[in-house]
Protein backbone atom coordinates (compact mmCIF):
# COMPACT_ATOMS: atom_id res chain seq x y z
CA MET A 1 21.83 -4.76 54.98
CA SER A 2 22.76 -2.68 57.99
CA LYS A 3 25.28 0.00 57.03
CA VAL A 4 25.40 2.78 54.46
CA THR A 5 28.28 5.22 54.04
CA VAL A 6 27.85 8.62 52.42
CA VAL A 7 31.12 10.18 51.28
CA GLY A 8 30.92 13.97 51.27
CA ALA A 9 29.21 16.06 53.96
CA GLY A 10 28.21 18.89 51.67
CA ASN A 11 24.59 19.77 50.96
CA VAL A 12 23.92 16.73 48.76
CA GLY A 13 25.67 14.21 51.01
CA ALA A 14 24.02 15.55 54.15
CA THR A 15 20.62 15.35 52.43
CA VAL A 16 21.24 11.73 51.37
CA ALA A 17 22.08 10.81 54.96
CA ASN A 18 19.11 12.69 56.42
CA VAL A 19 16.58 11.25 53.96
CA LEU A 20 17.94 7.73 54.53
CA ALA A 21 17.65 8.15 58.29
CA HIS A 22 14.01 9.19 57.91
CA LYS A 23 13.31 6.06 55.87
CA ASP A 24 14.57 3.99 58.86
CA LEU A 25 15.98 1.32 56.54
CA VAL A 26 19.37 0.54 58.04
CA ARG A 27 21.02 0.37 61.43
CA GLU A 28 23.74 2.94 60.68
CA VAL A 29 24.57 5.74 58.26
CA VAL A 30 28.18 6.96 58.29
CA VAL A 31 28.91 10.41 56.87
CA LEU A 32 32.56 10.78 55.85
CA ASP A 33 34.33 13.97 54.82
CA ILE A 34 37.87 15.34 54.88
CA LYS A 35 36.35 18.01 57.11
CA GLY A 36 35.67 15.60 59.95
CA ASP A 37 34.01 18.10 62.26
CA MET A 38 31.60 19.10 59.49
CA ALA A 39 30.67 15.44 59.02
CA ARG A 40 30.32 14.90 62.75
CA GLY A 41 28.21 18.03 63.14
CA LYS A 42 25.75 17.20 60.36
CA ALA A 43 25.44 13.59 61.52
CA LEU A 44 24.84 14.73 65.09
CA ASP A 45 22.23 17.25 63.97
CA SER A 46 20.33 14.52 62.11
CA TRP A 47 20.65 12.08 65.03
CA GLN A 48 19.14 14.69 67.35
CA GLN A 49 16.19 14.84 64.95
CA ALA A 50 15.48 11.12 65.39
CA SER A 51 13.19 11.35 68.42
CA ILE A 52 11.22 14.16 66.76
CA ASP A 53 10.63 12.36 63.47
CA SER A 54 10.55 8.81 64.91
CA TYR A 55 13.44 6.94 63.36
CA SER A 56 16.12 4.72 64.87
CA THR A 57 18.88 4.82 62.26
CA ARG A 58 22.07 6.01 63.95
CA LEU A 59 24.19 8.62 62.20
CA THR A 60 27.88 9.15 62.79
CA GLY A 61 30.37 11.50 61.18
CA THR A 62 34.06 10.89 60.54
CA GLU A 63 37.11 11.59 58.39
CA ASN A 64 38.49 8.09 58.97
CA TYR A 65 37.79 5.44 56.33
CA ALA A 66 38.22 2.73 58.96
CA ASP A 67 34.83 3.83 60.31
CA THR A 68 33.24 2.84 57.00
CA ALA A 69 34.30 -0.81 57.38
CA ASP A 70 31.85 -3.43 56.11
CA SER A 71 29.57 -0.93 54.42
CA ASP A 72 26.82 -2.55 52.38
CA ILE A 73 26.25 0.52 50.20
CA VAL A 74 28.43 3.58 49.59
CA VAL A 75 27.11 6.81 48.08
CA ILE A 76 29.87 9.04 46.70
CA THR A 77 28.98 12.74 46.54
CA ALA A 78 32.54 14.04 47.01
CA GLY A 79 34.01 16.48 44.52
CA ILE A 80 34.03 20.16 43.65
CA PRO A 81 31.57 22.17 41.55
CA ARG A 82 32.81 23.92 38.44
CA LYS A 83 34.03 27.38 39.36
CA PRO A 84 34.47 30.56 37.27
CA GLY A 85 37.58 30.27 35.12
CA MET A 86 37.75 26.50 35.53
CA SER A 87 37.80 24.47 32.32
CA ARG A 88 35.91 21.23 31.87
CA ASP A 89 39.26 19.44 31.80
CA ASP A 90 40.19 20.95 35.18
CA LEU A 91 36.91 19.76 36.69
CA ILE A 92 37.29 16.26 35.28
CA SER A 93 40.88 15.97 36.48
CA THR A 94 40.14 17.21 40.00
CA ASN A 95 37.00 15.17 40.59
CA ALA A 96 38.36 12.02 38.94
CA LYS A 97 41.30 12.08 41.34
CA ILE A 98 38.93 12.57 44.28
CA VAL A 99 36.52 9.82 43.21
CA THR A 100 39.37 7.41 42.47
CA MET A 101 40.98 8.04 45.86
CA VAL A 102 37.66 7.73 47.68
CA THR A 103 36.80 4.47 45.92
CA LYS A 104 40.17 2.88 46.62
CA SER A 105 39.97 3.95 50.28
CA ILE A 106 36.47 2.49 50.61
CA MET A 107 37.58 -0.82 49.08
CA GLU A 108 40.35 -1.13 51.66
CA HIS A 109 37.70 -1.52 54.35
CA SER A 110 34.65 -2.99 52.56
CA SER A 111 35.13 -6.06 50.37
CA ASN A 112 32.00 -6.04 48.21
CA PRO A 113 29.94 -2.86 48.57
CA ILE A 114 27.45 -1.46 46.13
CA ILE A 115 28.69 1.98 45.02
CA ILE A 116 26.36 4.76 43.88
CA VAL A 117 28.13 7.75 42.32
CA VAL A 118 26.62 11.24 42.45
CA SER A 119 29.76 13.31 41.73
CA ASN A 120 30.00 15.22 38.43
CA PRO A 121 30.62 14.92 35.55
CA LEU A 122 28.49 11.93 36.44
CA ASP A 123 29.03 9.50 33.57
CA VAL A 124 32.82 9.77 33.69
CA MET A 125 33.00 9.73 37.50
CA THR A 126 30.98 6.50 37.53
CA HIS A 127 33.48 5.01 35.10
CA ALA A 128 36.34 6.16 37.36
CA ALA A 129 34.75 4.51 40.40
CA HIS A 130 34.13 1.32 38.46
CA VAL A 131 37.78 1.09 37.39
CA ALA A 132 39.12 1.95 40.86
CA SER A 133 36.86 -0.53 42.65
CA GLY A 134 37.35 -3.56 40.42
CA LEU A 135 33.71 -4.44 41.08
CA PRO A 136 31.34 -5.81 38.40
CA ARG A 137 29.01 -3.41 36.61
CA ASN A 138 25.98 -4.41 38.63
CA ARG A 139 27.61 -2.99 41.79
CA VAL A 140 28.83 0.40 40.50
CA PHE A 141 26.43 2.86 38.90
CA GLY A 142 25.43 6.50 38.99
CA MET A 143 22.50 8.64 40.06
CA ALA A 144 21.27 11.05 37.40
CA GLY A 145 18.14 9.89 35.63
CA ILE A 146 16.00 9.76 38.76
CA LEU A 147 16.80 13.42 39.41
CA ASP A 148 16.22 14.37 35.77
CA THR A 149 12.87 12.56 35.62
CA ALA A 150 11.89 14.15 38.94
CA ARG A 151 12.43 17.59 37.42
CA TYR A 152 10.53 16.58 34.29
CA ARG A 153 7.62 15.26 36.37
CA ALA A 154 7.59 18.37 38.56
CA PHE A 155 7.36 20.67 35.54
CA LEU A 156 4.59 18.51 34.03
CA ALA A 157 2.67 18.44 37.32
CA THR A 158 2.73 22.24 37.45
CA ALA A 159 1.64 22.63 33.82
CA LEU A 160 -1.17 20.08 34.12
CA ASP A 161 -2.15 21.00 37.69
CA VAL A 162 -1.96 17.37 38.82
CA SER A 163 -0.08 15.50 41.50
CA PRO A 164 3.49 14.54 40.53
CA LYS A 165 2.76 11.16 42.16
CA ASP A 166 0.54 10.28 39.19
CA ILE A 167 3.18 11.00 36.56
CA GLN A 168 5.43 8.21 35.29
CA ALA A 169 8.32 9.09 33.02
CA MET A 170 11.56 7.77 31.57
CA LEU A 171 14.58 9.41 30.02
CA LEU A 172 17.92 8.22 28.71
CA GLY A 173 21.41 9.46 27.95
CA GLY A 174 24.05 11.51 29.67
CA HIS A 175 23.41 13.76 32.64
CA GLY A 176 23.21 17.21 31.09
CA ASP A 177 21.91 19.10 28.09
CA THR A 178 22.07 16.02 25.85
CA MET A 179 19.76 13.90 28.01
CA VAL A 180 16.90 12.27 26.10
CA PRO A 181 13.43 12.69 27.67
CA LEU A 182 10.91 10.25 26.17
CA PRO A 183 7.41 11.74 25.90
CA ARG A 184 6.27 8.47 24.30
CA TYR A 185 6.95 6.76 27.63
CA THR A 186 5.40 9.51 29.77
CA THR A 187 1.95 8.94 31.30
CA VAL A 188 -0.38 10.53 33.83
CA SER A 189 -2.24 7.77 35.67
CA GLY A 190 -1.79 5.64 32.56
CA ILE A 191 -2.93 8.37 30.16
CA PRO A 192 -0.32 9.30 27.52
CA VAL A 193 0.90 12.80 28.34
CA THR A 194 0.57 13.75 24.68
CA GLU A 195 -3.22 13.60 25.12
CA MET A 196 -3.11 16.16 27.93
CA ILE A 197 -0.69 18.83 26.72
CA SER A 198 0.17 20.50 23.43
CA ASP A 199 3.31 19.51 21.54
CA GLU A 200 4.65 23.06 21.93
CA ASP A 201 4.18 23.12 25.71
CA LEU A 202 5.64 19.63 26.07
CA GLU A 203 8.69 20.60 24.03
CA ALA A 204 9.22 23.63 26.28
CA ILE A 205 9.09 21.37 29.37
CA VAL A 206 11.56 18.94 27.83
CA ASP A 207 13.93 21.83 27.11
CA ARG A 208 13.55 23.16 30.65
CA THR A 209 14.31 19.69 32.03
CA LYS A 210 17.56 19.50 30.07
CA LYS A 211 18.63 22.79 31.62
CA GLY A 212 17.14 22.07 35.05
CA GLY A 213 20.42 22.04 36.94
CA GLY A 214 21.57 25.31 35.40
CA GLU A 215 18.27 26.99 36.27
CA LEU A 216 18.80 26.23 39.95
CA VAL A 217 22.42 27.40 39.89
CA LYS A 218 21.25 30.74 38.48
CA LEU A 219 18.60 31.07 41.19
CA MET A 220 20.70 29.99 44.16
CA GLY A 221 24.28 30.52 43.08
CA THR A 222 25.02 26.86 43.76
CA SER A 223 23.91 23.39 42.72
CA ALA A 224 20.72 21.75 43.98
CA TRP A 225 20.73 19.34 46.92
CA TYR A 226 17.23 18.40 48.14
CA ALA A 227 16.14 16.54 44.99
CA PRO A 228 19.57 15.04 44.20
CA GLY A 229 19.95 13.79 47.78
CA ALA A 230 16.45 12.30 47.82
CA ALA A 231 17.07 10.64 44.44
CA ALA A 232 20.19 8.87 45.69
CA ALA A 233 18.35 7.81 48.85
CA GLN A 234 15.54 6.35 46.73
CA MET A 235 18.09 4.16 44.94
CA VAL A 236 19.47 2.95 48.27
CA ALA A 237 15.95 2.12 49.46
CA SER A 238 15.22 -0.04 46.42
CA ILE A 239 18.45 -1.96 47.01
CA VAL A 240 18.00 -2.43 50.76
CA ARG A 241 14.39 -3.56 50.38
CA ASP A 242 15.21 -5.65 47.28
CA GLU A 243 12.28 -3.96 45.56
CA ASN A 244 13.50 -4.38 41.96
CA ARG A 245 12.21 -0.94 41.12
CA ILE A 246 12.89 0.34 37.61
CA PHE A 247 14.84 3.60 37.53
CA PRO A 248 16.93 5.43 34.94
CA CYS A 249 20.52 5.12 36.19
CA CYS A 250 23.99 5.63 34.78
CA ALA A 251 25.11 2.08 34.01
CA GLN A 252 27.83 0.43 31.98
CA LEU A 253 26.48 -0.82 28.67
CA GLN A 254 27.68 -4.18 27.39
CA GLY A 255 25.98 -4.37 24.02
CA GLU A 256 22.66 -2.81 25.01
CA TYR A 257 21.48 -0.11 22.61
CA GLY A 258 24.36 -1.15 20.33
CA MET A 259 26.96 0.31 22.70
CA SER A 260 29.69 -1.20 24.86
CA ASP A 261 32.13 -0.06 27.56
CA LEU A 262 30.25 3.20 28.02
CA PHE A 263 28.46 4.50 31.09
CA LEU A 264 25.14 6.05 30.06
CA GLY A 265 21.72 6.69 31.54
CA VAL A 266 19.35 3.78 30.85
CA PRO A 267 16.46 2.09 32.68
CA VAL A 268 17.60 -0.59 35.12
CA LYS A 269 16.05 -2.85 37.72
CA LEU A 270 17.53 -2.19 41.18
CA GLY A 271 17.56 -4.91 43.83
CA LYS A 272 19.70 -6.36 46.59
CA GLU A 273 22.65 -7.10 44.26
CA GLY A 274 22.50 -3.67 42.66
CA ILE A 275 21.55 -3.72 38.99
CA ALA A 276 19.53 -6.87 38.42
CA GLU A 277 18.85 -6.04 34.76
CA VAL A 278 19.57 -3.36 32.18
CA ILE A 279 16.33 -2.79 30.28
CA GLU A 280 16.62 -2.16 26.55
CA LEU A 281 13.71 -0.10 25.23
CA LYS A 282 12.50 -0.37 21.64
CA LEU A 283 13.40 3.14 20.54
CA ASN A 284 12.26 4.68 17.26
CA ASP A 285 14.75 6.22 14.84
CA GLU A 286 14.43 9.73 16.28
CA GLU A 287 14.92 8.56 19.87
CA MET A 288 17.87 6.37 18.91
CA GLY A 289 19.44 9.28 17.07
CA LEU A 290 19.17 11.49 20.15
CA LEU A 291 20.62 8.73 22.34
CA ASN A 292 23.58 8.33 19.97
CA THR A 293 24.18 12.08 20.12
CA SER A 294 24.16 11.95 23.90
CA ALA A 295 26.53 8.97 23.86
CA ASP A 296 28.92 10.85 21.56
CA HIS A 297 29.01 13.71 24.07
CA VAL A 298 29.84 11.30 26.90
CA ARG A 299 32.59 9.75 24.75
CA GLU A 300 34.13 13.20 24.23
CA VAL A 301 34.34 13.71 27.98
CA MET A 302 35.70 10.17 28.38
CA GLU A 303 38.50 10.97 25.92
CA VAL A 304 39.57 13.81 28.19
CA PHE A 305 39.59 11.46 31.20
CA GLU A 306 41.49 8.73 29.39
CA GLY A 307 44.16 11.24 28.37
CA MET A 308 44.90 11.96 32.03
CA ASP A 309 47.31 10.02 34.20
CA ILE A 310 44.93 9.11 37.03
C-alpha cells in the first residue's frame, strides 16, 4: 500500500495525517478539505517536519478529489460538531449528507479503497459510508472503540500508577454514553484489573470513560483530536502492515451477537483486506443486556437517518 487519503483538515484529520507520516508507513498522505488552502498549509507544515523527525512520507493538501485517485485507504473525518441550539436530527442530517457526498466522490477516483469513518454520530455515519460506497463490510468500518479503550486505559493507569502500555482492555457498543466497558476482559500485564482496584473505583472509571468525550469538550470548548487522530492512524498501521491486530471497531454485524444489519462497536481483526474477522465474545447475561441497550440506542439514531431523504 502506498497512498492514504484523509478527508477533513480539521484538528482530527490533521492529527491523523501527522501521526501517519511519523510512522513512515506509506509513500504519500493526501489531506483533502473544502478549504483547500487549509489542507495545503497543514500538509506543508507536516512535510517541513519530516527532516526533523526523520520520516519520508510525503504530505500534500488539496480540495480536488482527483488528487485522491488510487487511494488504498481513506480516513473520513469530515463533518461538523454539534452546536448550541442544534438538534440531534440536524447533526445527523448535515453530517450524513457530508459523509455520503465525500464517499461517493472518493469512489469516483478509487475503485476499491478501505474506508475508515471517524465522523459523528459514528455508528450511523459508518452506515452512510457503507451504503454510499457499495463496498463489502470488511472494507468500511468506524473508529470509536480504540479511542474509548485508550481513555479507559489512561484513567486506569493514573489510578493504579502504572504504565498504560501494560493495560489491555476491550469494550463494546455504540460510541457514546451507552458504550459497554468490560472489566472482565481488562488486565494489567495479565493480572485481572479486579484484583488491583476496588469495585467502587472501577465503576467510577467506567462511568468517566463513558463521558470521556464530554469531559474534554467542557475543558477545551471543543472535541478532542490528539487521541482520536492517533487511534485512526493505529488502525491504518495495522492494515498497511497486515498485522491482524485485534481492536474494537464499529463494524456491520451479520448475525454476530444475535444482531444483523447494524453497525456497532465489536472486537475485530484488522489486516490488509480490512476486517479479517469479527470476533464474538462469550458475554454473560449482564454484559449482553448492556450491549442490547447500546444497540437499541444506535437503532433509534438509525431510524432518524432512515427517515431522511439522503
